[in-house]
Protein backbone atom coordinates (compact mmCIF):
# COMPACT_ATOMS: atom_id res chain seq x y z
CA UNK A 1 110.84 -118.11 87.65
CA UNK A 2 114.48 -117.87 86.63
CA UNK A 3 117.22 -119.27 88.82
CA UNK A 4 119.79 -116.82 90.20
CA UNK A 5 123.08 -117.01 88.33
CA UNK A 6 126.35 -118.06 89.88
CA UNK A 7 129.74 -116.59 89.21
CA UNK A 8 132.72 -118.80 90.05
CA UNK A 9 130.61 -120.85 92.48
CA UNK A 10 129.10 -117.80 94.24
CA UNK A 11 125.47 -116.70 93.92
CA UNK A 12 125.60 -113.53 91.84
CA UNK A 13 123.17 -111.61 94.07
CA UNK A 14 125.74 -111.78 96.89
CA UNK A 15 128.82 -110.67 94.96
CA UNK A 16 130.38 -107.41 96.14
CA UNK A 17 127.26 -105.97 97.75
CA UNK A 18 125.87 -106.14 101.27
CA UNK A 19 122.83 -108.35 101.77
CA UNK A 20 120.47 -109.15 104.63
CA UNK A 21 120.59 -112.94 105.00
CA UNK A 22 117.01 -113.17 106.20
CA UNK A 23 115.80 -111.51 102.98
CA UNK A 24 117.64 -113.88 100.62
CA UNK A 25 115.27 -116.80 101.24
CA UNK A 26 111.55 -117.13 101.91
CA UNK A 27 109.43 -119.71 103.67
CA UNK A 28 107.20 -122.09 101.68
CA UNK A 29 104.24 -123.96 103.17
CA UNK A 30 105.05 -127.50 104.35
CA UNK A 31 108.55 -127.30 102.88
CA UNK A 32 112.26 -126.90 103.42
CA UNK A 33 113.67 -124.34 100.98
CA UNK A 34 117.41 -124.15 100.32
CA UNK A 35 119.57 -121.70 98.41
CA UNK A 36 123.29 -122.30 97.94
CA UNK A 37 125.21 -119.05 98.21
CA UNK A 38 128.72 -120.48 97.75
CA UNK A 39 129.66 -123.84 96.24
CA UNK A 40 133.39 -124.37 95.81
CA UNK A 41 135.81 -127.25 96.35
CA UNK A 42 136.79 -126.14 99.88
CA UNK A 43 133.15 -125.93 101.05
CA UNK A 44 129.62 -124.65 100.75
CA UNK A 45 127.46 -121.95 102.30
CA UNK A 46 123.73 -122.67 102.07
CA UNK A 47 120.65 -120.86 103.36
CA UNK A 48 117.64 -122.87 104.51
CA UNK A 49 114.06 -121.88 105.41
CA UNK A 50 112.06 -124.52 107.30
CA UNK A 51 108.31 -124.35 107.73
CA UNK A 52 106.88 -125.45 111.08
CA UNK A 53 107.29 -129.21 111.56
CA UNK A 54 109.85 -129.64 108.78
CA UNK A 55 113.17 -131.37 109.41
CA UNK A 56 116.42 -132.76 108.11
CA UNK A 57 116.40 -136.35 109.33
CA UNK A 58 119.28 -137.84 111.28
CA UNK A 59 122.38 -138.43 109.19
CA UNK A 60 126.17 -138.14 109.35
CA UNK A 61 128.50 -136.08 107.21
CA UNK A 62 132.21 -136.45 106.54
CA UNK A 63 132.85 -132.77 107.42
CA UNK A 64 132.17 -130.39 110.29
CA UNK A 65 129.26 -128.04 109.67
CA UNK A 66 128.49 -124.71 111.31
CA UNK A 67 124.79 -123.95 111.75
CA UNK A 68 123.80 -120.32 112.35
CA UNK A 69 120.13 -119.64 113.09
CA UNK A 70 119.12 -116.34 111.48
CA UNK A 71 115.37 -116.36 112.17
CA UNK A 72 113.23 -118.24 114.67
CA UNK A 73 114.42 -121.26 116.59
CA UNK A 74 115.50 -124.82 115.73
CA UNK A 75 115.97 -128.06 117.59
CA UNK A 76 119.38 -129.50 116.73
CA UNK A 77 120.20 -133.06 117.76
CA UNK A 78 123.82 -134.26 117.92
CA UNK A 79 124.60 -137.79 119.15
CA UNK A 80 121.04 -138.06 120.49
CA UNK A 81 121.31 -134.88 122.57
CA UNK A 82 118.71 -132.22 121.70
CA UNK A 83 119.39 -128.51 122.04
CA UNK A 84 117.35 -125.46 121.14
CA UNK A 85 119.26 -122.96 119.01
CA UNK A 86 117.78 -119.48 118.53
CA UNK A 87 118.33 -116.61 116.10
CA UNK A 88 121.82 -115.21 116.56
CA UNK A 89 123.23 -118.48 117.94
CA UNK A 90 125.51 -121.01 116.26
CA UNK A 91 126.38 -124.65 116.82
CA UNK A 92 129.00 -126.85 115.20
CA UNK A 93 127.85 -130.29 114.10
CA UNK A 94 131.00 -132.44 114.20
CA UNK A 95 131.95 -134.72 111.34
CA UNK A 96 131.02 -138.42 111.54
CA UNK A 97 128.52 -137.88 114.39
CA UNK A 98 124.79 -138.37 113.85
CA UNK A 99 122.85 -135.11 113.75
CA UNK A 100 119.43 -133.78 112.76
CA UNK A 101 117.62 -130.43 112.58
CA UNK A 102 113.91 -129.76 113.03
CA UNK A 103 111.58 -126.83 113.41
CA UNK A 104 108.86 -126.70 116.01
CA UNK A 105 108.28 -123.24 114.54
CA UNK A 106 109.44 -121.62 111.30
CA UNK A 107 113.17 -120.94 111.20
CA UNK A 108 115.96 -119.99 108.85
CA UNK A 109 119.55 -121.13 109.10
CA UNK A 110 122.85 -120.61 107.36
CA UNK A 111 124.86 -123.82 106.97
CA UNK A 112 128.61 -123.54 106.36
CA UNK A 113 130.44 -126.76 105.54
CA UNK A 114 134.21 -126.86 105.11
CA UNK A 115 135.47 -129.92 103.23
CA UNK A 116 138.98 -129.98 104.63
């Protein structure tokens, strides 16, 4: 399978044409799949597909990150506080605060991180 090409840090499939986010990434059994749509100095935009039970373990990041759930439902933990975030909802994970994401069911999310 060939990797999608990027043009100036942007995934070519997304350049100048409308796309359905949910269709740009697929689930894989027992896995977390990621696809970076934009990767530039100011920040990144990455799609994720989590199978049931998969997670990103607790960590901190030096930048704020916006999580948008586009399919299913995720449990997002920030500073030890759990919240359920469903398709169509967003949450900001603040910089320098411990956070984690897990799926008690399959879910897809768009992660936008601004490095400024």
